[in-house]
């Protein structure tokens, strides 16, 4: 009996640990995926480039964005940012695009910055379409480039799959969040637990515009292999993979290879 008790006790402990891990992934995945920094509605932005604040009414949400205007833009970039911060930071990070004479529209997701509303995968994709509709209403005859960075790559891809665009640029993209989770937690039933699978791969082949993926080989957040897998999944011959040797997740703009690629795409 004593010999039997020890294995049963060990099995009980392991089962409880496994249940805790499953529960943690299911109930706290929003904290793992999203890292918003809210801003008061009275917050005043300070950018050197001319800009307008934009507020869109969505389903049970208010969506806030920044529209960097140009008197005669060569094009429009609809920019979907990463999973952390707010427009006080991202507004600065898109300035190189503004400097290339593009009108740039960048927005905060629900609960980020001045945006409000409950998070869900469906609502975030629908919000992205609403921002495209706004851009199209402002620039009906101007080509629109969809640009996504990290988390924003899934929204940019989704919008490009539903609309005609000039180009789709994906910086440090993932194949899917579910795939990311499986690589980190291979021992958990990820498909049953993930509420935000964000399956970029499932609609990227509906994109008709040229697609450029930019990824660093030393990315410690989204491994380079995930961006490469997404690239290899694309059926179109209008695709390009720009590899930044030793590039990380947040420093690609420091590399001449990235700067040259961006110049060639947008100039």
Protein backbone atom coordinates (compact mmCIF):
# COMPACT_ATOMS: atom_id res chain seq x y z
CA UNK A 1 0.00 0.00 0.00
CA UNK A 2 2.80 2.42 0.88
CA UNK A 3 4.52 1.73 -2.44
CA UNK A 4 1.29 2.58 -4.22
CA UNK A 5 0.67 5.82 -2.31
CA UNK A 6 3.86 7.57 -3.45
CA UNK A 7 3.20 7.19 -7.23
CA UNK A 8 -0.44 8.21 -6.71
CA UNK A 9 0.62 11.26 -4.73
CA UNK A 10 3.13 12.23 -7.44
CA UNK A 11 0.48 11.75 -10.12
CA UNK A 12 -1.94 13.92 -8.14
CA UNK A 13 0.64 16.70 -7.77
CA UNK A 14 1.56 16.59 -11.47
CA UNK A 15 -2.11 16.65 -12.48
CA UNK A 16 -2.69 19.71 -10.33
CA UNK A 17 0.34 21.49 -11.79
CA UNK A 18 -0.88 20.68 -15.30
CA UNK A 19 -4.37 21.99 -14.47
CA UNK A 20 -2.89 25.21 -13.04
CA UNK A 21 -0.82 25.75 -16.21
CA UNK A 22 -3.85 25.17 -18.42
CA UNK A 23 -5.95 27.53 -16.32
CA UNK A 24 -3.21 30.14 -16.31
CA UNK A 25 -2.92 30.10 -20.09
CA UNK A 26 -6.68 30.25 -20.58
CA UNK A 27 -7.58 32.91 -18.02
CA UNK A 28 -4.50 35.13 -18.26
CA UNK A 29 -3.72 35.01 -21.98
CA UNK A 30 -4.88 38.60 -22.48
CA UNK A 31 -2.15 39.65 -20.06
CA UNK A 32 0.35 37.61 -22.06
CA UNK A 33 -0.69 39.00 -25.46
CA UNK A 34 -1.71 42.60 -24.78
CA UNK A 35 0.30 45.18 -22.84
CA UNK A 36 -1.69 48.42 -23.18
CA UNK A 37 -0.77 51.77 -21.69
CA UNK A 38 -3.98 53.80 -21.26
CA UNK A 39 -4.03 57.58 -21.65
CA UNK A 40 -6.53 60.10 -20.27
CA UNK A 41 -8.79 61.61 -22.92
CA UNK A 42 -7.29 65.00 -22.03
CA UNK A 43 -3.76 63.89 -22.94
CA UNK A 44 -2.12 66.26 -25.42
CA UNK A 45 0.19 64.74 -28.04
CA UNK A 46 3.28 66.59 -29.19
CA UNK A 47 4.63 65.67 -32.64
CA UNK A 48 6.68 67.82 -34.98
CA UNK A 49 4.68 66.66 -38.02
CA UNK A 50 1.18 68.04 -38.63
CA UNK A 51 -1.47 65.68 -37.28
CA UNK A 52 -5.11 65.30 -36.39
CA UNK A 53 -6.63 63.15 -33.67
CA UNK A 54 -9.34 60.82 -34.91
CA UNK A 55 -12.06 59.09 -32.91
CA UNK A 56 -14.24 56.37 -34.44
CA UNK A 57 -17.34 54.91 -32.86
CA UNK A 58 -17.28 51.11 -32.98
CA UNK A 59 -19.49 48.45 -31.44
CA UNK A 60 -19.40 49.22 -27.71
CA UNK A 61 -16.05 50.98 -28.13
CA UNK A 62 -14.40 54.28 -28.97
CA UNK A 63 -11.34 53.94 -31.20
CA UNK A 64 -8.67 56.60 -31.16
CA UNK A 65 -6.01 57.25 -33.79
CA UNK A 66 -3.57 59.81 -35.15
CA UNK A 67 -3.69 61.00 -38.74
CA UNK A 68 -0.42 62.53 -39.92
CA UNK A 69 -1.45 64.69 -42.84
CA UNK A 70 0.44 65.81 -45.95
CA UNK A 71 -0.53 68.53 -48.43
CA UNK A 72 0.29 66.30 -51.41
CA UNK A 73 1.07 62.77 -50.16
CA UNK A 74 2.65 60.24 -52.48
CA UNK A 75 0.54 57.61 -50.76
CA UNK A 76 -1.18 56.57 -47.55
CA UNK A 77 0.10 54.13 -44.95
CA UNK A 78 -2.34 52.50 -42.56
CA UNK A 79 -0.10 51.37 -39.71
CA UNK A 80 -1.03 48.69 -37.17
CA UNK A 81 1.37 48.76 -34.22
CA UNK A 82 2.64 46.15 -31.77
CA UNK A 83 1.16 44.79 -28.56
CA UNK A 84 2.49 47.36 -26.08
CA UNK A 85 2.40 51.08 -25.37
CA UNK A 86 0.20 53.71 -26.98
CA UNK A 87 0.29 56.40 -29.65
CA UNK A 88 2.56 58.67 -27.62
CA UNK A 89 5.29 56.16 -28.51
CA UNK A 90 4.04 54.78 -31.82
CA UNK A 91 3.39 58.25 -33.21
CA UNK A 92 7.12 58.89 -32.89
CA UNK A 93 8.08 55.54 -34.38
CA UNK A 94 6.16 56.20 -37.62
CA UNK A 95 7.90 59.53 -38.24
CA UNK A 96 10.35 58.04 -40.79
CA UNK A 97 7.29 57.11 -42.88
CA UNK A 98 5.87 60.61 -42.53
CA UNK A 99 9.26 62.03 -43.55
CA UNK A 100 8.98 60.10 -46.83
CA UNK A 101 5.93 62.26 -47.66
CA UNK A 102 3.30 59.66 -46.78
CA UNK A 103 0.08 60.41 -44.99
CA UNK A 104 0.15 57.97 -42.07
CA UNK A 105 -2.81 56.76 -40.02
CA UNK A 106 -1.89 54.87 -36.85
CA UNK A 107 -4.37 53.78 -34.21
CA UNK A 108 -4.55 52.43 -30.68
CA UNK A 109 -6.39 49.15 -30.15
CA UNK A 110 -9.13 48.77 -27.57
CA UNK A 111 -7.86 49.60 -24.06
CA UNK A 112 -4.67 51.14 -25.51
CA UNK A 113 -4.13 54.89 -25.18
CA UNK A 114 -7.45 56.74 -25.47
CA UNK A 115 -9.28 53.79 -27.04
CA UNK A 116 -11.89 51.90 -25.05
CA UNK A 117 -13.95 48.74 -25.34
CA UNK A 118 -13.75 45.06 -24.50
CA UNK A 119 -11.13 42.96 -26.22
CA UNK A 120 -12.00 40.05 -28.48
CA UNK A 121 -10.45 38.62 -31.62
CA UNK A 122 -13.48 39.38 -33.76
CA UNK A 123 -13.83 42.98 -32.53
CA UNK A 124 -10.15 43.72 -33.18
CA UNK A 125 -10.36 42.46 -36.75
CA UNK A 126 -13.55 44.44 -37.33
CA UNK A 127 -11.94 47.57 -35.86
CA UNK A 128 -9.08 47.17 -38.32
CA UNK A 129 -11.56 47.14 -41.22
CA UNK A 130 -13.18 50.28 -39.84
CA UNK A 131 -9.82 52.08 -39.88
CA UNK A 132 -9.33 51.07 -43.51
CA UNK A 133 -12.77 52.48 -44.32
CA UNK A 134 -11.75 55.73 -42.65
CA UNK A 135 -8.51 55.89 -44.66
CA UNK A 136 -10.38 55.14 -47.88
CA UNK A 137 -12.90 57.88 -47.15
CA UNK A 138 -10.09 60.42 -46.73
CA UNK A 139 -8.00 59.23 -49.70
CA UNK A 140 -10.32 57.56 -52.18
CA UNK A 141 -7.95 57.93 -55.15
CA UNK A 142 -4.64 57.50 -53.30
CA UNK A 143 -2.94 54.11 -52.98
CA UNK A 144 -3.07 52.66 -49.46
CA UNK A 145 -0.18 50.61 -48.07
CA UNK A 146 -0.98 48.29 -45.16
CA UNK A 147 1.85 48.12 -42.65
CA UNK A 148 1.81 45.81 -39.64
CA UNK A 149 4.37 45.40 -36.90
CA UNK A 150 4.43 42.35 -34.59
CA UNK A 151 0.85 41.93 -33.28
CA UNK A 152 -0.31 44.45 -35.89
CA UNK A 153 0.78 42.14 -38.72
CA UNK A 154 -2.32 39.99 -38.29
CA UNK A 155 -4.63 43.04 -38.57
CA UNK A 156 -2.79 44.46 -41.58
CA UNK A 157 -2.97 41.08 -43.31
CA UNK A 158 -6.66 40.68 -42.54
CA UNK A 159 -7.48 44.11 -43.95
CA UNK A 160 -5.36 43.44 -47.06
CA UNK A 161 -7.22 40.15 -47.58
CA UNK A 162 -10.55 41.99 -47.67
CA UNK A 163 -9.54 45.07 -49.69
CA UNK A 164 -7.29 46.11 -52.53
CA UNK A 165 -4.08 47.70 -51.32
CA UNK A 166 -0.90 49.05 -52.83
CA UNK A 167 1.34 46.80 -50.73
CA UNK A 168 1.37 44.76 -47.53
CA UNK A 169 4.44 45.18 -45.30
CA UNK A 170 4.83 42.83 -42.34
CA UNK A 171 7.56 43.54 -39.81
CA UNK A 172 8.36 40.66 -37.41
CA UNK A 173 5.17 38.71 -38.17
CA UNK A 174 3.97 35.43 -36.69
CA UNK A 175 2.32 32.47 -38.42
CA UNK A 176 -0.42 32.50 -35.78
CA UNK A 177 -0.60 33.18 -32.06
CA UNK A 178 -1.74 29.59 -31.56
CA UNK A 179 1.43 28.44 -33.29
CA UNK A 180 3.49 30.76 -31.08
CA UNK A 181 1.83 29.30 -27.99
CA UNK A 182 2.48 25.74 -29.15
CA UNK A 183 6.16 26.50 -29.57
CA UNK A 184 6.33 27.87 -26.02
CA UNK A 185 3.96 25.37 -24.34
CA UNK A 186 4.19 22.17 -26.41
CA UNK A 187 2.88 20.09 -23.49
CA UNK A 188 -0.44 21.99 -23.24
CA UNK A 189 -3.64 21.55 -25.34
CA UNK A 190 -3.17 24.99 -26.89
CA UNK A 191 -5.92 24.72 -29.53
CA UNK A 192 -8.52 24.23 -26.80
CA UNK A 193 -7.18 27.02 -24.61
CA UNK A 194 -6.28 29.94 -26.89
CA UNK A 195 -9.03 32.54 -27.32
CA UNK A 196 -6.89 34.70 -29.61
CA UNK A 197 -5.42 32.32 -32.22
CA UNK A 198 -4.96 35.23 -34.68
CA UNK A 199 -4.50 32.87 -37.67
CA UNK A 200 -2.63 35.17 -40.06
CA UNK A 201 -1.71 32.21 -42.27
CA UNK A 202 -5.39 31.43 -42.90
CA UNK A 203 -6.11 34.61 -44.86
CA UNK A 204 -2.73 35.75 -46.16
CA UNK A 205 -3.30 33.90 -49.44
CA UNK A 206 -6.37 36.06 -50.07
CA UNK A 207 -4.11 39.13 -50.32
CA UNK A 208 -3.72 40.33 -53.91
CA UNK A 209 -1.16 43.07 -53.23
CA UNK A 210 2.62 42.46 -53.15
CA UNK A 211 3.73 41.20 -49.74
CA UNK A 212 7.02 42.03 -48.02
CA UNK A 213 8.09 40.33 -44.79
CA UNK A 214 10.94 41.82 -42.75
CA UNK A 215 12.38 39.75 -39.92
CA UNK A 216 15.57 39.60 -37.86
CA UNK A 217 17.42 36.36 -37.21
CA UNK A 218 17.94 37.22 -33.52
CA UNK A 219 14.31 38.06 -32.75
CA UNK A 220 13.71 36.96 -29.17
CA UNK A 221 9.95 37.62 -29.20
CA UNK A 222 8.77 36.13 -32.50
CA UNK A 223 11.39 33.71 -33.71
CA UNK A 224 12.67 34.22 -37.25
CA UNK A 225 11.45 30.73 -38.17
CA UNK A 226 7.84 31.83 -37.64
CA UNK A 227 8.14 34.73 -40.09
CA UNK A 228 9.89 32.45 -42.58
CA UNK A 229 7.15 29.85 -42.23
CA UNK A 230 4.53 32.50 -42.99
CA UNK A 231 6.53 33.60 -46.03
CA UNK A 232 6.79 30.03 -47.32
CA UNK A 233 3.03 29.59 -46.85
CA UNK A 234 2.26 32.43 -49.31
CA UNK A 235 1.24 31.12 -52.74
CA UNK A 236 1.69 34.41 -54.59
CA UNK A 237 4.87 35.11 -56.56
CA UNK A 238 4.55 38.75 -55.46
CA UNK A 239 6.30 38.11 -52.17
CA UNK A 240 9.64 39.04 -50.65
CA UNK A 241 11.45 38.05 -47.46
CA UNK A 242 13.99 40.56 -46.18
CA UNK A 243 16.23 38.96 -43.58
CA UNK A 244 18.09 41.19 -41.14
CA UNK A 245 21.10 39.22 -39.82
CA UNK A 246 21.35 39.59 -36.03
CA UNK A 247 18.28 41.85 -36.03
CA UNK A 248 16.06 41.68 -32.94
CA UNK A 249 12.38 42.35 -32.45
CA UNK A 250 12.47 46.08 -31.73
CA UNK A 251 15.64 47.33 -33.41
CA UNK A 252 15.31 46.52 -37.12
CA UNK A 253 15.22 50.20 -38.03
CA UNK A 254 18.83 50.47 -36.80
CA UNK A 255 20.07 48.27 -39.64
CA UNK A 256 21.06 49.67 -43.06
CA UNK A 257 19.46 46.60 -44.72
CA UNK A 258 16.10 47.57 -43.24
CA UNK A 259 16.51 51.24 -44.09
CA UNK A 260 17.43 50.44 -47.69
CA UNK A 261 14.53 48.01 -48.09
CA UNK A 262 12.05 50.56 -46.75
CA UNK A 263 13.44 53.23 -49.05
CA UNK A 264 13.16 50.96 -52.10
CA UNK A 265 9.60 49.94 -51.24
CA UNK A 266 8.24 53.39 -50.50
CA UNK A 267 10.38 55.80 -52.50
